[in-house]
N, C-alpha and C. Protein backbone atom coordinates (compact mmCIF):
# COMPACT_ATOMS: atom_id res chain seq x y z
N MET A 1 206.12 75.82 66.54
CA MET A 1 206.97 74.82 67.13
C MET A 1 206.81 74.90 68.66
N THR A 2 206.60 73.77 69.30
CA THR A 2 206.45 73.77 70.75
C THR A 2 207.78 73.42 71.40
N SER A 3 207.99 73.94 72.59
CA SER A 3 209.24 73.65 73.28
C SER A 3 209.07 72.39 74.12
N ASN A 4 210.15 71.73 74.35
CA ASN A 4 210.16 70.52 75.16
C ASN A 4 210.42 70.94 76.60
N PRO A 5 209.44 70.77 77.52
CA PRO A 5 209.62 71.23 78.89
C PRO A 5 210.80 70.54 79.58
N LYS A 6 211.00 69.27 79.32
CA LYS A 6 212.13 68.57 79.93
C LYS A 6 213.44 69.18 79.46
N ARG A 7 213.56 69.47 78.18
CA ARG A 7 214.79 70.03 77.62
C ARG A 7 215.03 71.42 78.24
N THR A 8 213.96 72.22 78.36
CA THR A 8 214.10 73.55 78.95
C THR A 8 214.58 73.44 80.39
N ARG A 9 213.99 72.53 81.13
CA ARG A 9 214.38 72.33 82.52
C ARG A 9 215.84 71.87 82.59
N ARG A 10 216.25 70.99 81.72
CA ARG A 10 217.62 70.47 81.73
C ARG A 10 218.63 71.58 81.42
N ASN A 11 218.26 72.52 80.56
CA ASN A 11 219.17 73.60 80.20
C ASN A 11 219.44 74.53 81.38
N ARG A 12 218.54 74.55 82.33
CA ARG A 12 218.66 75.46 83.46
C ARG A 12 219.38 74.85 84.65
N HIS A 13 219.62 73.57 84.65
CA HIS A 13 220.22 72.95 85.83
C HIS A 13 221.74 72.96 85.75
N THR A 14 222.32 72.78 86.89
CA THR A 14 223.77 72.74 86.99
C THR A 14 224.26 71.35 86.58
N LEU A 15 225.34 71.31 85.85
CA LEU A 15 225.93 70.06 85.40
C LEU A 15 226.35 69.22 86.60
N ARG A 16 225.93 67.97 86.61
CA ARG A 16 226.34 67.06 87.69
C ARG A 16 227.81 66.72 87.47
N LEU A 17 228.61 66.97 88.48
CA LEU A 17 230.04 66.65 88.41
C LEU A 17 230.29 65.37 89.19
N TRP A 18 231.08 64.51 88.60
CA TRP A 18 231.35 63.20 89.18
C TRP A 18 232.71 63.19 89.87
N THR A 19 232.82 62.38 90.90
CA THR A 19 234.14 62.08 91.45
C THR A 19 234.64 60.85 90.72
N PHE A 20 235.93 60.59 90.82
CA PHE A 20 236.47 59.41 90.18
C PHE A 20 235.82 58.15 90.76
N ASP A 21 235.66 58.10 92.07
CA ASP A 21 235.04 56.92 92.70
C ASP A 21 233.60 56.71 92.23
N GLN A 22 232.85 57.80 92.09
CA GLN A 22 231.48 57.68 91.58
C GLN A 22 231.48 57.14 90.16
N ALA A 23 232.37 57.67 89.34
CA ALA A 23 232.46 57.22 87.95
C ALA A 23 232.85 55.75 87.89
N GLN A 24 233.82 55.35 88.69
CA GLN A 24 234.25 53.95 88.73
C GLN A 24 233.11 53.04 89.18
N SER A 25 232.36 53.50 90.17
CA SER A 25 231.23 52.70 90.67
C SER A 25 230.14 52.53 89.61
N ALA A 26 230.03 53.49 88.71
CA ALA A 26 228.98 53.46 87.69
C ALA A 26 229.45 52.85 86.37
N VAL A 27 230.67 52.36 86.29
CA VAL A 27 231.23 51.86 85.03
C VAL A 27 230.33 50.81 84.38
N ALA A 28 229.84 49.85 85.15
CA ALA A 28 229.00 48.79 84.56
C ALA A 28 227.71 49.38 83.98
N TYR A 29 227.11 50.32 84.70
CA TYR A 29 225.88 50.95 84.23
C TYR A 29 226.14 51.80 82.98
N ILE A 30 227.19 52.60 83.03
CA ILE A 30 227.56 53.42 81.88
C ILE A 30 227.85 52.53 80.68
N ALA A 31 228.58 51.44 80.91
CA ALA A 31 228.92 50.51 79.83
C ALA A 31 227.66 49.93 79.18
N SER A 32 226.66 49.60 79.98
CA SER A 32 225.45 49.01 79.40
C SER A 32 224.73 50.02 78.51
N ILE A 33 224.71 51.28 78.93
CA ILE A 33 224.04 52.30 78.10
C ILE A 33 224.86 52.59 76.84
N VAL A 34 226.17 52.73 76.99
CA VAL A 34 227.04 53.02 75.84
C VAL A 34 227.01 51.85 74.86
N ARG A 35 226.98 50.62 75.37
CA ARG A 35 226.90 49.44 74.49
C ARG A 35 225.59 49.47 73.70
N SER A 36 224.51 49.81 74.37
CA SER A 36 223.22 49.92 73.70
C SER A 36 223.24 51.01 72.63
N LEU A 37 223.81 52.18 72.98
CA LEU A 37 223.94 53.26 72.00
C LEU A 37 224.72 52.79 70.78
N ARG A 38 225.83 52.10 71.03
CA ARG A 38 226.68 51.62 69.94
C ARG A 38 225.91 50.68 69.02
N GLU A 39 225.19 49.72 69.62
CA GLU A 39 224.42 48.76 68.82
C GLU A 39 223.36 49.49 67.99
N HIS A 40 222.69 50.45 68.59
CA HIS A 40 221.67 51.21 67.85
C HIS A 40 222.31 52.04 66.74
N ALA A 41 223.47 52.65 67.01
CA ALA A 41 224.16 53.45 65.99
C ALA A 41 224.57 52.57 64.81
N LEU A 42 225.08 51.38 65.10
CA LEU A 42 225.47 50.46 64.02
C LEU A 42 224.25 49.99 63.23
N ASP A 43 223.15 49.71 63.95
CA ASP A 43 221.91 49.32 63.27
C ASP A 43 221.41 50.45 62.37
N MET A 44 221.48 51.70 62.85
CA MET A 44 221.03 52.83 62.04
C MET A 44 221.89 52.96 60.78
N GLN A 45 223.21 52.79 60.92
CA GLN A 45 224.09 52.86 59.74
C GLN A 45 223.70 51.80 58.72
N ALA A 46 223.50 50.57 59.20
CA ALA A 46 223.17 49.47 58.29
C ALA A 46 221.82 49.71 57.62
N LEU A 47 220.84 50.17 58.38
CA LEU A 47 219.51 50.42 57.80
C LEU A 47 219.54 51.58 56.82
N ARG A 48 220.28 52.63 57.11
CA ARG A 48 220.39 53.75 56.16
C ARG A 48 221.06 53.31 54.87
N ARG A 49 222.08 52.47 55.01
CA ARG A 49 222.75 51.95 53.82
C ARG A 49 221.79 51.08 53.00
N ARG A 50 221.00 50.25 53.72
CA ARG A 50 220.04 49.37 53.05
C ARG A 50 218.98 50.21 52.33
N ILE A 51 218.46 51.23 52.98
CA ILE A 51 217.46 52.10 52.37
C ILE A 51 218.04 52.79 51.14
N HIS A 52 219.25 53.30 51.26
CA HIS A 52 219.91 53.95 50.13
C HIS A 52 220.03 52.98 48.96
N ASP A 53 220.49 51.76 49.24
CA ASP A 53 220.65 50.76 48.18
C ASP A 53 219.32 50.43 47.52
N LEU A 54 218.28 50.28 48.33
CA LEU A 54 216.96 49.97 47.76
C LEU A 54 216.42 51.13 46.93
N GLU A 55 216.65 52.36 47.38
CA GLU A 55 216.14 53.52 46.66
C GLU A 55 216.91 53.77 45.36
N HIS A 56 218.13 53.30 45.29
CA HIS A 56 218.96 53.58 44.12
C HIS A 56 219.20 52.37 43.23
N ARG A 57 218.39 51.35 43.38
CA ARG A 57 218.47 50.21 42.46
C ARG A 57 218.03 50.66 41.08
N PRO A 58 218.71 50.17 40.06
CA PRO A 58 218.29 50.54 38.70
C PRO A 58 216.92 49.93 38.37
N GLY A 59 216.20 50.63 37.57
CA GLY A 59 214.89 50.14 37.13
C GLY A 59 213.80 50.46 38.14
N ARG A 60 212.62 50.05 37.75
CA ARG A 60 211.45 50.30 38.59
C ARG A 60 211.37 49.23 39.68
N PRO A 61 211.13 49.64 40.95
CA PRO A 61 211.07 48.64 42.02
C PRO A 61 209.82 47.76 41.90
N ASN A 62 210.00 46.48 42.23
CA ASN A 62 208.85 45.58 42.23
C ASN A 62 208.18 45.61 43.61
N ARG A 63 207.13 44.86 43.76
CA ARG A 63 206.37 44.85 45.01
C ARG A 63 207.24 44.44 46.19
N VAL A 64 208.05 43.41 46.04
CA VAL A 64 208.91 42.92 47.12
C VAL A 64 209.89 44.01 47.56
N ALA A 65 210.48 44.70 46.59
CA ALA A 65 211.43 45.77 46.90
C ALA A 65 210.74 46.92 47.63
N LEU A 66 209.52 47.27 47.22
CA LEU A 66 208.78 48.34 47.88
C LEU A 66 208.44 47.98 49.33
N ILE A 67 208.04 46.74 49.55
CA ILE A 67 207.74 46.28 50.91
C ILE A 67 209.01 46.28 51.76
N GLU A 68 210.10 45.80 51.18
CA GLU A 68 211.37 45.78 51.90
C GLU A 68 211.83 47.20 52.25
N LEU A 69 211.65 48.13 51.33
CA LEU A 69 212.01 49.52 51.57
C LEU A 69 211.18 50.11 52.71
N GLU A 70 209.87 49.88 52.67
CA GLU A 70 208.99 50.41 53.71
C GLU A 70 209.32 49.79 55.07
N GLU A 71 209.57 48.50 55.09
CA GLU A 71 209.93 47.82 56.35
C GLU A 71 211.26 48.35 56.90
N SER A 72 212.23 48.59 56.04
CA SER A 72 213.51 49.14 56.47
C SER A 72 213.34 50.54 57.05
N ARG A 73 212.48 51.33 56.44
CA ARG A 73 212.21 52.68 56.96
C ARG A 73 211.55 52.61 58.35
N ARG A 74 210.61 51.67 58.51
CA ARG A 74 209.96 51.49 59.82
C ARG A 74 210.97 51.05 60.87
N GLN A 75 211.84 50.12 60.50
CA GLN A 75 212.88 49.66 61.43
C GLN A 75 213.81 50.80 61.81
N LEU A 76 214.17 51.64 60.84
CA LEU A 76 215.05 52.77 61.11
C LEU A 76 214.41 53.73 62.12
N LEU A 77 213.14 54.02 61.94
CA LEU A 77 212.44 54.90 62.89
C LEU A 77 212.44 54.30 64.30
N ARG A 78 212.20 53.00 64.40
CA ARG A 78 212.20 52.33 65.69
C ARG A 78 213.57 52.40 66.35
N VAL A 79 214.62 52.09 65.57
CA VAL A 79 215.98 52.10 66.11
C VAL A 79 216.41 53.51 66.49
N GLU A 80 216.02 54.51 65.69
CA GLU A 80 216.34 55.90 66.03
C GLU A 80 215.69 56.29 67.37
N GLY A 81 214.49 55.81 67.59
CA GLY A 81 213.81 56.07 68.86
C GLY A 81 214.53 55.42 70.03
N GLU A 82 214.97 54.18 69.84
CA GLU A 82 215.71 53.48 70.89
C GLU A 82 217.04 54.17 71.16
N TYR A 83 217.70 54.63 70.11
CA TYR A 83 218.95 55.38 70.26
C TYR A 83 218.69 56.64 71.08
N GLY A 84 217.62 57.34 70.75
CA GLY A 84 217.26 58.56 71.47
C GLY A 84 216.99 58.31 72.95
N HIS A 85 216.33 57.20 73.26
CA HIS A 85 216.06 56.86 74.66
C HIS A 85 217.37 56.59 75.41
N ALA A 86 218.29 55.87 74.80
CA ALA A 86 219.58 55.59 75.45
C ALA A 86 220.37 56.89 75.62
N LEU A 87 220.30 57.76 74.63
CA LEU A 87 220.99 59.05 74.72
C LEU A 87 220.42 59.88 75.87
N GLU A 88 219.10 59.87 76.02
CA GLU A 88 218.46 60.58 77.13
C GLU A 88 218.91 60.02 78.48
N GLU A 89 219.08 58.71 78.54
CA GLU A 89 219.51 58.09 79.78
C GLU A 89 220.90 58.59 80.18
N LEU A 90 221.80 58.70 79.20
CA LEU A 90 223.12 59.27 79.49
C LEU A 90 223.00 60.75 79.83
N ASP A 91 222.16 61.46 79.11
CA ASP A 91 221.96 62.88 79.34
C ASP A 91 221.45 63.14 80.77
N ASP A 92 220.59 62.26 81.25
CA ASP A 92 220.09 62.40 82.62
C ASP A 92 221.21 62.28 83.65
N LEU A 93 222.29 61.61 83.27
CA LEU A 93 223.47 61.47 84.14
C LEU A 93 224.50 62.56 83.86
N ASP A 94 224.20 63.45 82.91
CA ASP A 94 225.11 64.50 82.45
C ASP A 94 226.37 63.92 81.80
N ILE A 95 226.24 62.74 81.23
CA ILE A 95 227.33 62.11 80.49
C ILE A 95 227.08 62.35 79.01
N GLN A 96 228.11 62.75 78.30
CA GLN A 96 227.97 63.05 76.88
C GLN A 96 228.61 61.96 76.03
N VAL A 97 227.99 61.67 74.90
CA VAL A 97 228.57 60.70 73.97
C VAL A 97 229.66 61.40 73.18
N LEU A 98 230.81 60.79 73.14
CA LEU A 98 231.91 61.30 72.32
C LEU A 98 231.86 60.64 70.95
N ASP A 99 231.70 59.32 70.92
CA ASP A 99 231.60 58.57 69.66
C ASP A 99 230.84 57.28 69.97
N ALA A 100 229.59 57.23 69.55
CA ALA A 100 228.75 56.06 69.86
C ALA A 100 229.30 54.78 69.25
N VAL A 101 229.74 54.83 68.01
CA VAL A 101 230.23 53.63 67.33
C VAL A 101 231.50 53.10 67.99
N ARG A 102 232.37 54.00 68.43
CA ARG A 102 233.60 53.58 69.09
C ARG A 102 233.40 53.31 70.58
N GLY A 103 232.18 53.53 71.08
CA GLY A 103 231.87 53.25 72.47
C GLY A 103 232.53 54.21 73.44
N MET A 104 232.55 55.50 73.09
CA MET A 104 233.24 56.49 73.92
C MET A 104 232.26 57.55 74.42
N ALA A 105 232.45 57.90 75.71
CA ALA A 105 231.61 58.91 76.33
C ALA A 105 232.46 59.76 77.27
N LEU A 106 231.89 60.88 77.70
CA LEU A 106 232.59 61.82 78.57
C LEU A 106 231.81 62.01 79.86
N VAL A 107 232.52 61.85 80.99
CA VAL A 107 231.91 61.99 82.32
C VAL A 107 232.50 63.26 82.95
N PRO A 108 231.67 64.25 83.30
CA PRO A 108 232.18 65.54 83.78
C PRO A 108 232.72 65.50 85.22
N PHE A 109 233.80 66.23 85.43
CA PHE A 109 234.34 66.45 86.77
C PHE A 109 235.10 67.77 86.76
N VAL A 110 235.61 68.20 87.89
CA VAL A 110 236.37 69.44 87.98
C VAL A 110 237.80 69.12 88.35
N HIS A 111 238.73 69.75 87.62
CA HIS A 111 240.16 69.61 87.93
C HIS A 111 240.79 71.00 87.82
N ASP A 112 241.53 71.38 88.83
CA ASP A 112 242.14 72.72 88.87
C ASP A 112 241.11 73.82 88.61
N GLU A 113 239.93 73.64 89.22
CA GLU A 113 238.83 74.60 89.10
C GLU A 113 238.35 74.81 87.66
N GLN A 114 238.56 73.80 86.82
CA GLN A 114 238.10 73.85 85.43
C GLN A 114 237.26 72.61 85.13
N LEU A 115 236.31 72.77 84.22
CA LEU A 115 235.53 71.63 83.77
C LEU A 115 236.45 70.67 83.02
N ALA A 116 236.37 69.42 83.39
CA ALA A 116 237.16 68.38 82.74
C ALA A 116 236.27 67.16 82.54
N TRP A 117 236.75 66.20 81.77
CA TRP A 117 235.96 65.02 81.44
C TRP A 117 236.80 63.76 81.58
N TYR A 118 236.26 62.77 82.29
CA TYR A 118 236.84 61.43 82.24
C TYR A 118 236.42 60.86 80.89
N VAL A 119 237.35 60.26 80.19
CA VAL A 119 237.04 59.66 78.90
C VAL A 119 236.71 58.19 79.14
N PHE A 120 235.46 57.82 78.90
CA PHE A 120 235.00 56.45 79.06
C PHE A 120 235.16 55.72 77.73
N ASP A 121 235.85 54.57 77.76
CA ASP A 121 236.09 53.77 76.55
C ASP A 121 235.56 52.36 76.81
N LEU A 122 234.48 52.03 76.14
CA LEU A 122 233.82 50.74 76.31
C LEU A 122 234.75 49.56 76.05
N PHE A 123 235.72 49.74 75.16
CA PHE A 123 236.56 48.62 74.75
C PHE A 123 237.90 48.56 75.47
N ASP A 124 238.09 49.40 76.44
CA ASP A 124 239.33 49.38 77.22
C ASP A 124 239.09 48.49 78.44
N ASP A 125 240.08 47.69 78.82
CA ASP A 125 239.92 46.85 80.00
C ASP A 125 239.83 47.70 81.27
N GLN A 126 240.25 48.93 81.19
CA GLN A 126 240.08 49.93 82.26
C GLN A 126 239.33 51.10 81.61
N PRO A 127 237.99 51.04 81.61
CA PRO A 127 237.19 51.99 80.83
C PRO A 127 237.45 53.46 81.12
N ILE A 128 237.84 53.81 82.34
CA ILE A 128 238.16 55.21 82.63
C ILE A 128 239.65 55.27 82.93
N ARG A 129 240.41 55.53 81.89
CA ARG A 129 241.87 55.55 81.97
C ARG A 129 242.43 56.93 81.63
N ALA A 130 241.63 57.75 80.96
CA ALA A 130 242.12 59.04 80.48
C ALA A 130 241.13 60.14 80.82
N TRP A 131 241.58 61.38 80.63
CA TRP A 131 240.74 62.54 80.87
C TRP A 131 241.20 63.67 79.96
N ARG A 132 240.38 64.72 79.91
CA ARG A 132 240.74 65.92 79.17
C ARG A 132 239.97 67.10 79.74
N PHE A 133 240.53 68.30 79.56
CA PHE A 133 239.81 69.52 79.93
C PHE A 133 238.75 69.80 78.88
N GLN A 134 237.75 70.56 79.27
CA GLN A 134 236.70 71.00 78.33
C GLN A 134 237.32 71.74 77.16
N THR A 135 238.35 72.52 77.42
CA THR A 135 238.96 73.37 76.39
C THR A 135 239.95 72.61 75.49
N ASP A 136 240.28 71.38 75.84
CA ASP A 136 241.21 70.59 75.03
C ASP A 136 240.55 70.19 73.71
N PRO A 137 241.35 69.96 72.68
CA PRO A 137 240.80 69.38 71.44
C PRO A 137 240.16 68.03 71.76
N GLU A 138 239.15 67.68 71.00
CA GLU A 138 238.37 66.47 71.25
C GLU A 138 239.23 65.21 71.35
N GLU A 139 240.29 65.13 70.58
CA GLU A 139 241.12 63.92 70.56
C GLU A 139 242.12 63.84 71.71
N THR A 140 242.22 64.88 72.52
CA THR A 140 243.18 64.90 73.63
C THR A 140 242.84 63.84 74.66
N ARG A 141 243.85 63.09 75.08
CA ARG A 141 243.72 62.09 76.15
C ARG A 141 244.88 62.29 77.10
N ARG A 142 244.58 62.62 78.33
CA ARG A 142 245.61 62.75 79.35
C ARG A 142 245.53 61.53 80.27
N LYS A 143 246.68 61.05 80.66
CA LYS A 143 246.72 59.89 81.55
C LYS A 143 246.23 60.31 82.94
N LEU A 144 245.39 59.48 83.53
CA LEU A 144 244.91 59.75 84.87
C LEU A 144 246.05 59.67 85.88
N THR A 145 246.11 60.63 86.76
CA THR A 145 247.05 60.61 87.87
C THR A 145 246.24 60.68 89.15
N SER A 146 246.89 60.60 90.27
CA SER A 146 246.17 60.66 91.54
C SER A 146 245.39 61.96 91.69
N ALA A 147 245.85 63.03 91.06
CA ALA A 147 245.16 64.32 91.14
C ALA A 147 243.75 64.25 90.57
N GLN A 148 243.53 63.48 89.51
CA GLN A 148 242.19 63.38 88.91
C GLN A 148 241.36 62.29 89.58
N MET A 149 241.99 61.49 90.41
CA MET A 149 241.26 60.40 91.06
C MET A 149 240.78 60.78 92.46
N HIS A 150 240.96 62.05 92.84
CA HIS A 150 240.50 62.49 94.17
C HIS A 150 239.62 63.69 94.09
């Protein structure tokens, strides 16, 4: 197994920490990547379901079904690659996906000398409205106050 030099290099670097103003300025860009991730995730779900259905049809598959199955598998590989590219784009910004389908991501910052995350929500009219500490349970959402915005 060969190692990925980019991944090795990324593991050695310091996490980019964002200010609230930087995160706010990047909302449109983050939204475009998260929206793309979401679309790819939904496409992957649909294609996996389609492949499952085609593979589990009763009886022997005919030529049309075999072609459809192979085409669905090719589409799934393509969409998985596109998903991976969008994920890398967020990773390059040190932003983590919390839930691709729900359009949620985490933007790192420091609060009270601890790692914390702005919670980005694609479907909120104010996409960065909440935050949580690294040590908080994943579902924790704290309301932003002036302390996290400076």
